[in-house]
């Protein structure tokens, strides 16, 4: 079992610049991504004053394509089955309980490499523009 927790996926932010690039492509898929993320841009701004939006699921997909995007630790995880914390997970990163590891938890992500994979895989026909946007020009 491998896990990419929300604190890691939250590092993958579709910034205003990336969204504007999608809009400028004038491409059906780019337009779709731009349109479906609009709600989340508004949500993240209202909730936490973040410009852009977190795109959790694309990181999970990208990880299966390129596992070296993330790194982490093999550890023990248990799910609380009752009481006030029901459904929460207990993760023994420090091996305090000395139980057999049963999950690989990704704790880091290379955001730059993620967006390179994201744009190059979805829009390979825009290689030159992808490079320009990814360099931040």
N, C-alpha and C. Protein backbone atom coordinates (compact mmCIF):
# COMPACT_ATOMS: atom_id res chain seq x y z
N UNK A 1 0.85 -1.17 0.00
CA UNK A 1 0.00 0.00 0.00
C UNK A 1 0.89 1.23 0.00
N UNK A 2 0.55 2.18 -0.84
CA UNK A 2 1.29 3.44 -0.90
C UNK A 2 0.31 4.58 -0.72
N UNK A 3 0.73 5.59 0.01
CA UNK A 3 -0.14 6.69 0.35
C UNK A 3 0.51 8.02 -0.03
N UNK A 4 -0.29 8.89 -0.62
CA UNK A 4 0.16 10.27 -0.85
C UNK A 4 -0.82 11.14 -0.07
N UNK A 5 -0.43 11.54 1.14
CA UNK A 5 -1.36 12.29 1.98
C UNK A 5 -1.60 13.72 1.47
N UNK A 6 -2.65 14.32 1.98
CA UNK A 6 -3.05 15.65 1.53
C UNK A 6 -1.97 16.71 1.78
N UNK A 7 -1.17 16.57 2.83
CA UNK A 7 -0.14 17.58 3.05
C UNK A 7 0.89 17.57 1.92
N UNK A 8 1.04 16.45 1.24
CA UNK A 8 1.94 16.36 0.09
C UNK A 8 1.23 16.85 -1.17
N UNK A 9 0.00 16.40 -1.38
CA UNK A 9 -0.71 16.83 -2.59
C UNK A 9 -0.98 18.33 -2.58
N UNK A 10 -1.06 18.92 -1.40
CA UNK A 10 -1.32 20.37 -1.30
C UNK A 10 -0.14 21.20 -1.80
N UNK A 11 0.98 20.57 -2.06
CA UNK A 11 2.12 21.29 -2.64
C UNK A 11 1.98 21.46 -4.15
N UNK A 12 0.99 20.78 -4.72
CA UNK A 12 0.76 20.86 -6.17
C UNK A 12 -0.34 21.89 -6.43
N UNK A 13 0.09 23.12 -6.69
CA UNK A 13 -0.84 24.23 -6.86
C UNK A 13 -0.82 24.68 -8.32
N UNK A 14 -1.99 24.62 -8.92
CA UNK A 14 -2.17 25.15 -10.27
C UNK A 14 -2.28 26.67 -10.11
N UNK A 15 -1.17 27.34 -10.31
CA UNK A 15 -1.06 28.77 -10.04
C UNK A 15 -1.85 29.58 -11.07
N UNK A 16 -2.08 30.87 -10.78
CA UNK A 16 -2.73 31.73 -11.77
C UNK A 16 -1.97 31.74 -13.11
N UNK A 17 -0.65 31.70 -13.07
CA UNK A 17 0.12 31.67 -14.32
C UNK A 17 -0.13 30.38 -15.11
N UNK A 18 -0.16 29.25 -14.43
CA UNK A 18 -0.43 27.99 -15.12
C UNK A 18 -1.86 27.99 -15.69
N UNK A 19 -2.81 28.51 -14.92
CA UNK A 19 -4.19 28.55 -15.42
C UNK A 19 -4.31 29.47 -16.62
N UNK A 20 -3.62 30.60 -16.59
CA UNK A 20 -3.66 31.51 -17.73
C UNK A 20 -3.04 30.86 -18.96
N UNK A 21 -1.98 30.10 -18.75
CA UNK A 21 -1.37 29.37 -19.86
C UNK A 21 -2.38 28.41 -20.47
N UNK A 22 -3.12 27.69 -19.63
CA UNK A 22 -4.16 26.79 -20.14
C UNK A 22 -5.16 27.56 -21.00
N UNK A 23 -5.57 28.71 -20.51
CA UNK A 23 -6.54 29.53 -21.24
C UNK A 23 -5.98 29.99 -22.59
N UNK A 24 -4.72 30.33 -22.62
CA UNK A 24 -4.09 30.82 -23.85
C UNK A 24 -3.89 29.73 -24.89
N UNK A 25 -3.87 28.48 -24.48
CA UNK A 25 -3.68 27.38 -25.43
C UNK A 25 -4.82 27.28 -26.44
N UNK A 26 -6.02 27.67 -26.01
CA UNK A 26 -7.20 27.56 -26.88
C UNK A 26 -7.34 26.12 -27.41
N UNK A 27 -7.32 25.21 -26.47
CA UNK A 27 -7.34 23.78 -26.72
C UNK A 27 -8.49 23.20 -25.89
N UNK A 28 -9.20 22.24 -26.41
CA UNK A 28 -10.36 21.68 -25.73
C UNK A 28 -10.02 21.13 -24.35
N UNK A 29 -8.94 20.39 -24.24
CA UNK A 29 -8.55 19.81 -22.95
C UNK A 29 -8.10 20.90 -21.99
N UNK A 30 -7.31 21.85 -22.48
CA UNK A 30 -6.87 22.96 -21.65
C UNK A 30 -8.06 23.78 -21.15
N UNK A 31 -9.02 24.02 -22.04
CA UNK A 31 -10.22 24.76 -21.64
C UNK A 31 -10.99 24.00 -20.56
N UNK A 32 -11.07 22.69 -20.71
CA UNK A 32 -11.77 21.86 -19.73
C UNK A 32 -11.10 21.98 -18.36
N UNK A 33 -9.77 21.84 -18.32
CA UNK A 33 -9.04 21.94 -17.04
C UNK A 33 -9.22 23.33 -16.44
N UNK A 34 -9.11 24.35 -17.28
CA UNK A 34 -9.30 25.72 -16.81
C UNK A 34 -10.68 25.89 -16.19
N UNK A 35 -11.70 25.42 -16.88
CA UNK A 35 -13.07 25.60 -16.42
C UNK A 35 -13.38 24.82 -15.14
N UNK A 36 -12.92 23.58 -15.05
CA UNK A 36 -13.26 22.79 -13.85
C UNK A 36 -12.48 23.23 -12.62
N UNK A 37 -11.40 23.96 -12.80
CA UNK A 37 -10.62 24.41 -11.64
C UNK A 37 -11.07 25.78 -11.13
N UNK A 38 -11.92 26.46 -11.86
CA UNK A 38 -12.38 27.79 -11.44
C UNK A 38 -13.03 27.78 -10.07
N UNK A 39 -13.88 26.80 -9.83
CA UNK A 39 -14.55 26.69 -8.52
C UNK A 39 -13.51 26.57 -7.41
N UNK A 40 -12.47 25.77 -7.64
CA UNK A 40 -11.47 25.53 -6.61
C UNK A 40 -10.59 26.76 -6.36
N UNK A 41 -10.36 27.54 -7.41
CA UNK A 41 -9.62 28.79 -7.24
C UNK A 41 -10.39 29.68 -6.26
N UNK A 42 -11.68 29.82 -6.50
CA UNK A 42 -12.50 30.65 -5.61
C UNK A 42 -12.52 30.08 -4.19
N UNK A 43 -12.67 28.76 -4.08
CA UNK A 43 -12.70 28.10 -2.77
C UNK A 43 -11.40 28.35 -2.00
N UNK A 44 -10.25 28.10 -2.64
CA UNK A 44 -8.97 28.26 -1.95
C UNK A 44 -8.73 29.71 -1.55
N UNK A 45 -9.18 30.65 -2.37
CA UNK A 45 -9.01 32.05 -2.00
C UNK A 45 -9.89 32.37 -0.77
N UNK A 46 -11.13 31.97 -0.80
CA UNK A 46 -12.04 32.29 0.31
C UNK A 46 -11.62 31.58 1.60
N UNK A 47 -11.16 30.35 1.51
CA UNK A 47 -10.82 29.58 2.70
C UNK A 47 -9.47 29.93 3.29
N UNK A 48 -8.47 30.15 2.42
CA UNK A 48 -7.11 30.26 2.95
C UNK A 48 -6.23 31.31 2.28
N UNK A 49 -6.85 32.10 1.41
CA UNK A 49 -6.13 33.15 0.71
C UNK A 49 -4.97 32.61 -0.12
N UNK A 50 -5.20 31.47 -0.74
CA UNK A 50 -4.25 30.89 -1.69
C UNK A 50 -4.67 31.28 -3.10
N UNK A 51 -3.73 31.78 -3.88
CA UNK A 51 -4.01 32.08 -5.28
C UNK A 51 -3.72 30.83 -6.10
N UNK A 52 -4.71 30.38 -6.83
CA UNK A 52 -4.58 29.15 -7.59
C UNK A 52 -5.41 28.07 -6.91
N UNK A 53 -5.17 26.83 -7.30
CA UNK A 53 -5.90 25.74 -6.64
C UNK A 53 -5.02 24.50 -6.56
N UNK A 54 -5.26 23.78 -5.49
CA UNK A 54 -4.57 22.52 -5.26
C UNK A 54 -5.19 21.47 -6.17
N UNK A 55 -4.36 20.70 -6.84
CA UNK A 55 -4.88 19.62 -7.69
C UNK A 55 -4.33 18.29 -7.15
N UNK A 56 -5.08 17.71 -6.22
CA UNK A 56 -4.65 16.50 -5.52
C UNK A 56 -4.54 15.27 -6.42
N UNK A 57 -5.61 14.96 -7.12
CA UNK A 57 -5.68 13.70 -7.87
C UNK A 57 -4.63 13.58 -8.97
N UNK A 58 -4.32 14.65 -9.69
CA UNK A 58 -3.28 14.50 -10.72
C UNK A 58 -1.93 14.04 -10.17
N UNK A 59 -1.63 14.40 -8.92
CA UNK A 59 -0.37 13.91 -8.35
C UNK A 59 -0.42 12.41 -8.15
N UNK A 60 -1.54 11.89 -7.70
CA UNK A 60 -1.66 10.44 -7.51
C UNK A 60 -1.47 9.71 -8.84
N UNK A 61 -2.06 10.24 -9.90
CA UNK A 61 -1.91 9.63 -11.23
C UNK A 61 -0.46 9.74 -11.69
N UNK A 62 0.13 10.91 -11.53
CA UNK A 62 1.52 11.13 -11.96
C UNK A 62 2.47 10.21 -11.21
N UNK A 63 2.19 9.95 -9.95
CA UNK A 63 3.04 9.07 -9.14
C UNK A 63 3.09 7.66 -9.71
N UNK A 64 1.97 7.19 -10.24
CA UNK A 64 1.96 5.85 -10.84
C UNK A 64 2.71 5.83 -12.16
N UNK A 65 2.73 6.96 -12.84
CA UNK A 65 3.51 7.06 -14.08
C UNK A 65 4.99 7.19 -13.77
N UNK A 66 5.31 8.01 -12.76
CA UNK A 66 6.70 8.31 -12.43
C UNK A 66 6.88 8.35 -10.91
N UNK A 67 7.09 7.17 -10.30
CA UNK A 67 7.19 7.09 -8.83
C UNK A 67 8.32 7.93 -8.23
N UNK A 68 9.33 8.26 -9.01
CA UNK A 68 10.43 9.05 -8.45
C UNK A 68 10.04 10.51 -8.18
N UNK A 69 8.80 10.90 -8.54
CA UNK A 69 8.33 12.26 -8.22
C UNK A 69 8.21 12.47 -6.72
N UNK A 70 7.97 11.39 -5.99
CA UNK A 70 7.76 11.47 -4.54
C UNK A 70 8.77 10.62 -3.81
N UNK A 71 8.95 10.94 -2.55
CA UNK A 71 9.78 10.11 -1.69
C UNK A 71 9.12 10.05 -0.32
N UNK A 72 9.50 9.05 0.45
CA UNK A 72 8.86 8.90 1.74
C UNK A 72 9.46 7.80 2.57
N UNK A 73 8.63 7.20 3.41
CA UNK A 73 9.11 6.19 4.35
C UNK A 73 8.16 5.00 4.39
N UNK A 74 8.74 3.85 4.64
CA UNK A 74 7.97 2.64 4.89
C UNK A 74 7.72 2.60 6.39
N UNK A 75 6.45 2.51 6.78
CA UNK A 75 6.11 2.59 8.20
C UNK A 75 4.83 1.82 8.50
N UNK A 76 4.42 1.91 9.73
CA UNK A 76 3.18 1.25 10.14
C UNK A 76 2.05 2.27 10.23
N UNK A 77 0.88 1.89 9.72
CA UNK A 77 -0.31 2.74 9.75
C UNK A 77 -1.47 1.91 10.27
N UNK A 78 -2.26 2.52 11.14
CA UNK A 78 -3.49 1.90 11.62
C UNK A 78 -4.61 2.91 11.48
N UNK A 79 -5.79 2.42 11.22
CA UNK A 79 -6.98 3.26 11.13
C UNK A 79 -7.78 3.10 12.43
N UNK A 80 -8.13 4.21 13.04
CA UNK A 80 -8.91 4.18 14.27
C UNK A 80 -10.31 3.67 13.94
N UNK A 81 -10.76 2.66 14.68
CA UNK A 81 -12.02 2.00 14.37
C UNK A 81 -13.18 2.43 15.26
N UNK A 82 -12.92 3.15 16.33
CA UNK A 82 -14.03 3.59 17.18
C UNK A 82 -13.61 4.83 17.98
N UNK A 83 -14.57 5.39 18.65
CA UNK A 83 -14.29 6.56 19.48
C UNK A 83 -14.27 7.87 18.70
N UNK A 84 -13.82 8.86 19.36
CA UNK A 84 -13.84 10.22 18.82
C UNK A 84 -13.01 10.38 17.54
N UNK A 85 -11.98 9.61 17.41
CA UNK A 85 -11.08 9.73 16.25
C UNK A 85 -11.37 8.70 15.16
N UNK A 86 -12.54 8.10 15.16
CA UNK A 86 -12.89 7.06 14.20
C UNK A 86 -12.61 7.54 12.76
N UNK A 87 -11.96 6.68 12.02
CA UNK A 87 -11.63 6.98 10.63
C UNK A 87 -10.29 7.67 10.44
N UNK A 88 -9.72 8.19 11.50
CA UNK A 88 -8.41 8.84 11.38
C UNK A 88 -7.32 7.78 11.35
N UNK A 89 -6.19 8.17 10.80
CA UNK A 89 -5.08 7.23 10.71
C UNK A 89 -3.98 7.59 11.70
N UNK A 90 -3.39 6.57 12.25
CA UNK A 90 -2.24 6.71 13.13
C UNK A 90 -1.02 6.22 12.35
N UNK A 91 -0.06 7.09 12.19
CA UNK A 91 1.12 6.77 11.40
C UNK A 91 2.34 6.80 12.31
N UNK A 92 3.05 5.71 12.36
CA UNK A 92 4.19 5.56 13.26
C UNK A 92 5.50 5.83 12.51
N UNK A 93 5.70 7.08 12.11
CA UNK A 93 6.90 7.46 11.35
C UNK A 93 8.18 7.11 12.10
N UNK A 94 8.21 7.33 13.40
CA UNK A 94 9.44 7.11 14.18
C UNK A 94 9.63 5.69 14.66
N UNK A 95 8.79 4.76 14.26
CA UNK A 95 8.86 3.36 14.68
C UNK A 95 8.78 3.21 16.20
N UNK A 96 8.01 4.06 16.84
CA UNK A 96 7.84 4.04 18.28
C UNK A 96 7.20 2.74 18.76
N UNK A 97 6.19 2.28 18.02
CA UNK A 97 5.45 1.08 18.44
C UNK A 97 6.09 -0.22 17.96
N UNK A 98 7.09 -0.12 17.13
CA UNK A 98 7.84 -1.29 16.63
C UNK A 98 6.93 -2.35 16.01
N UNK A 99 5.98 -1.88 15.20
CA UNK A 99 5.10 -2.81 14.48
C UNK A 99 5.59 -2.95 13.05
N UNK A 100 5.23 -4.04 12.44
CA UNK A 100 5.64 -4.32 11.07
C UNK A 100 5.13 -3.23 10.12
N UNK A 101 6.02 -2.66 9.33
CA UNK A 101 5.58 -1.65 8.36
C UNK A 101 4.55 -2.24 7.41
N UNK A 102 3.50 -1.48 7.11
CA UNK A 102 2.45 -1.97 6.22
C UNK A 102 2.05 -0.94 5.16
N UNK A 103 2.77 0.17 5.10
CA UNK A 103 2.42 1.20 4.12
C UNK A 103 3.67 2.05 3.81
N UNK A 104 3.76 2.46 2.55
CA UNK A 104 4.79 3.43 2.17
C UNK A 104 4.11 4.77 2.08
N UNK A 105 4.53 5.70 2.93
CA UNK A 105 3.91 7.02 2.96
C UNK A 105 4.85 8.02 2.31
N UNK A 106 4.36 8.62 1.24
CA UNK A 106 5.13 9.66 0.57
C UNK A 106 5.03 10.94 1.39
N UNK A 107 6.18 11.53 1.66
CA UNK A 107 6.24 12.73 2.49
C UNK A 107 6.74 13.94 1.73
N UNK A 108 7.31 13.73 0.55
CA UNK A 108 7.86 14.82 -0.25
C UNK A 108 7.46 14.63 -1.71
N UNK A 109 7.39 15.75 -2.43
CA UNK A 109 7.12 15.72 -3.87
C UNK A 109 8.00 16.78 -4.54
N UNK A 110 8.45 16.46 -5.72
CA UNK A 110 9.20 17.42 -6.54
C UNK A 110 8.17 18.14 -7.41
N UNK A 111 7.74 19.32 -6.96
CA UNK A 111 6.68 20.05 -7.64
C UNK A 111 7.07 20.42 -9.08
N UNK A 112 8.31 20.82 -9.26
CA UNK A 112 8.77 21.22 -10.60
C UNK A 112 8.66 20.05 -11.58
N UNK A 113 9.14 18.90 -11.16
CA UNK A 113 9.07 17.72 -12.03
C UNK A 113 7.62 17.30 -12.27
N UNK A 114 6.77 17.45 -11.25
CA UNK A 114 5.36 17.12 -11.44
C UNK A 114 4.79 17.96 -12.59
N UNK A 115 4.98 19.28 -12.55
CA UNK A 115 4.38 20.12 -13.57
C UNK A 115 5.02 19.90 -14.94
N UNK A 116 6.28 19.53 -14.98
CA UNK A 116 6.89 19.15 -16.26
C UNK A 116 6.16 17.95 -16.83
N UNK A 117 5.96 16.93 -16.02
CA UNK A 117 5.24 15.74 -16.47
C UNK A 117 3.81 16.08 -16.85
N UNK A 118 3.13 16.86 -16.04
CA UNK A 118 1.74 17.25 -16.26
C UNK A 118 1.58 17.91 -17.63
N UNK A 119 2.35 18.95 -17.89
CA UNK A 119 2.18 19.69 -19.15
C UNK A 119 2.71 18.91 -20.36
N UNK A 120 3.83 18.22 -20.19
CA UNK A 120 4.38 17.48 -21.34
C UNK A 120 3.53 16.27 -21.71
N UNK A 121 2.91 15.61 -20.73
CA UNK A 121 2.08 14.45 -21.02
C UNK A 121 0.74 14.84 -21.63
N UNK A 122 0.13 15.89 -21.07
CA UNK A 122 -1.20 16.28 -21.53
C UNK A 122 -1.14 17.11 -22.81
N UNK A 123 -0.09 17.91 -22.96
CA UNK A 123 0.03 18.82 -24.11
C UNK A 123 1.39 18.66 -24.79
N UNK A 124 1.70 17.47 -25.30
CA UNK A 124 3.01 17.26 -25.92
C UNK A 124 3.21 18.13 -27.17
N UNK A 125 2.12 18.52 -27.81
CA UNK A 125 2.22 19.34 -29.01
C UNK A 125 2.68 20.77 -28.69
N UNK A 126 2.68 21.15 -27.42
CA UNK A 126 3.07 22.49 -27.00
C UNK A 126 4.44 22.49 -26.33
N UNK A 127 5.32 21.61 -26.75
CA UNK A 127 6.61 21.43 -26.07
C UNK A 127 7.35 22.74 -25.85
N UNK A 128 7.47 23.55 -26.88
CA UNK A 128 8.23 24.80 -26.76
C UNK A 128 7.57 25.75 -25.75
N UNK A 129 6.26 25.94 -25.87
CA UNK A 129 5.56 26.81 -24.93
C UNK A 129 5.58 26.24 -23.51
N UNK A 130 5.45 24.93 -23.39
CA UNK A 130 5.54 24.30 -22.07
C UNK A 130 6.85 24.67 -21.40
N UNK A 131 7.93 24.57 -22.14
CA UNK A 131 9.26 24.88 -21.59
C UNK A 131 9.34 26.32 -21.13
N UNK A 132 8.81 27.22 -21.92
CA UNK A 132 8.84 28.64 -21.57
C UNK A 132 8.07 28.89 -20.29
N UNK A 133 6.86 28.36 -20.21
CA UNK A 133 6.02 28.57 -19.03
C UNK A 133 6.62 27.91 -17.80
N UNK A 134 7.16 26.71 -17.95
CA UNK A 134 7.73 25.99 -16.81
C UNK A 134 8.99 26.68 -16.28
N UNK A 135 9.69 27.42 -17.12
CA UNK A 135 10.87 28.15 -16.65
C UNK A 135 10.49 29.44 -15.95
N UNK A 136 9.22 29.84 -16.06
CA UNK A 136 8.76 31.01 -15.35
C UNK A 136 8.90 32.31 -16.12
N UNK A 137 9.10 32.22 -17.42
CA UNK A 137 9.22 33.46 -18.21
C UNK A 137 7.87 34.00 -18.59
